[in-house]
Amino acid sequence: MVSAALLRVACVTLCVLLRVRSARSASCPAGCECSEAAQTVKCVSKDLQEIPSGIPAYTRTLFITGNQVGRIGPECFTGLDNVTTLSLSNN
């Protein structure tokens, strides 16, 4: 028989793993592909009309190409101090 303490440990571990996974997936804007290892975010050909919010702070290379972005406000890149390459072609 499994003890109550062991069940609690298993439940807590499962909850922590689910939170970590959900935090990682939530850090990438919908319609974009994010790679923390490559420090790259690609939002390519998604018919975006504006720069998506929620771009991860680790981003160094940002592709927002092949969309329909017509306006870029000063707030669009707030918190993205690490970006060294930005591609906005074909908008």
Protein backbone atom coordinates (compact mmCIF):
# COMPACT_ATOMS: atom_id res chain seq x y z
CA MET A 1 0.00 0.00 0.00
CA VAL A 2 1.24 3.49 -0.86
CA SER A 3 1.60 5.87 2.04
CA ALA A 4 -0.14 9.23 2.12
CA ALA A 5 3.23 11.01 2.35
CA LEU A 6 4.45 9.34 -0.83
CA LEU A 7 1.25 10.32 -2.65
CA ARG A 8 1.69 13.93 -1.52
CA VAL A 9 5.27 13.99 -2.80
CA ALA A 10 4.16 12.58 -6.14
CA CYS A 11 1.34 15.14 -6.44
CA VAL A 12 3.60 18.07 -5.57
CA THR A 13 6.22 16.89 -8.07
CA LEU A 14 3.61 16.57 -10.80
CA CYS A 15 2.23 20.04 -10.06
CA VAL A 16 5.70 21.59 -10.23
CA LEU A 17 6.45 19.89 -13.55
CA LEU A 18 3.15 21.05 -15.04
CA ARG A 19 3.75 24.65 -13.92
CA VAL A 20 7.26 24.67 -15.44
CA ARG A 21 5.96 23.30 -18.72
CA SER A 22 3.08 25.76 -18.85
CA ALA A 23 5.39 28.69 -18.03
CA ARG A 24 7.67 27.74 -20.91
CA SER A 25 4.84 27.44 -23.41
CA ALA A 26 3.26 30.68 -22.21
CA SER A 27 6.46 32.59 -22.87
CA CYS A 28 6.12 32.30 -26.66
CA PRO A 29 3.53 34.44 -28.46
CA ALA A 30 0.79 32.59 -30.33
CA GLY A 31 1.78 31.89 -33.92
CA CYS A 32 5.50 32.20 -33.20
CA GLU A 33 8.27 29.67 -32.74
CA CYS A 34 10.63 30.30 -29.83
CA SER A 35 13.97 28.69 -29.09
CA GLU A 36 15.53 29.63 -25.78
CA ALA A 37 18.68 27.66 -26.66
CA ALA A 38 19.14 29.64 -29.91
CA GLN A 39 17.74 32.84 -28.31
CA THR A 40 15.54 33.18 -31.40
CA VAL A 41 11.88 34.00 -31.99
CA LYS A 42 10.32 33.50 -35.43
CA CYS A 43 6.90 34.95 -36.25
CA VAL A 44 7.00 34.28 -39.98
CA SER A 45 4.09 34.50 -42.44
CA LYS A 46 1.37 34.48 -39.78
CA ASP A 47 -0.63 37.46 -41.13
CA LEU A 48 0.23 39.46 -38.01
CA GLN A 49 -0.94 43.07 -38.11
CA GLU A 50 1.10 44.16 -35.11
CA ILE A 51 4.21 43.14 -33.22
CA PRO A 52 3.09 40.38 -30.85
CA SER A 53 3.31 40.93 -27.11
CA GLY A 54 4.96 38.44 -24.81
CA ILE A 55 8.20 38.02 -26.73
CA PRO A 56 10.66 36.41 -24.29
CA ALA A 57 13.34 38.65 -22.77
CA TYR A 58 16.06 36.14 -23.76
CA THR A 59 15.48 36.94 -27.45
CA ARG A 60 18.57 38.03 -29.39
CA THR A 61 17.30 37.31 -32.92
CA LEU A 62 13.75 38.27 -33.85
CA PHE A 63 12.08 37.52 -37.18
CA ILE A 64 8.69 39.12 -37.85
CA THR A 65 8.73 38.66 -41.61
CA GLY A 66 6.06 38.06 -44.22
CA ASN A 67 3.27 39.58 -42.16
CA GLN A 68 1.09 42.69 -42.41
CA VAL A 69 2.61 44.87 -39.69
CA GLY A 70 1.78 48.46 -40.60
CA ARG A 71 2.75 50.32 -37.43
CA ILE A 72 5.51 49.89 -34.88
CA GLY A 73 5.01 51.86 -31.68
CA PRO A 74 7.72 52.69 -29.14
CA GLU A 75 6.23 50.18 -26.68
CA CYS A 76 6.54 47.21 -29.06
CA PHE A 77 10.05 46.25 -28.00
CA THR A 78 9.96 47.19 -24.31
CA GLY A 79 12.00 44.74 -22.26
CA LEU A 80 13.77 43.28 -25.29
CA ASP A 81 17.19 44.71 -24.46
CA ASN A 82 19.06 41.66 -25.78
CA VAL A 83 17.83 41.86 -29.40
CA THR A 84 20.80 42.28 -31.75
CA THR A 85 19.14 41.16 -35.00
CA LEU A 86 15.66 42.24 -36.07
CA SER A 87 14.07 41.30 -39.39
CA LEU A 88 10.83 43.01 -40.41
CA SER A 89 10.99 42.37 -44.16
CA ASN A 90 7.90 41.89 -46.31
CA ASN A 91 5.40 43.65 -44.08
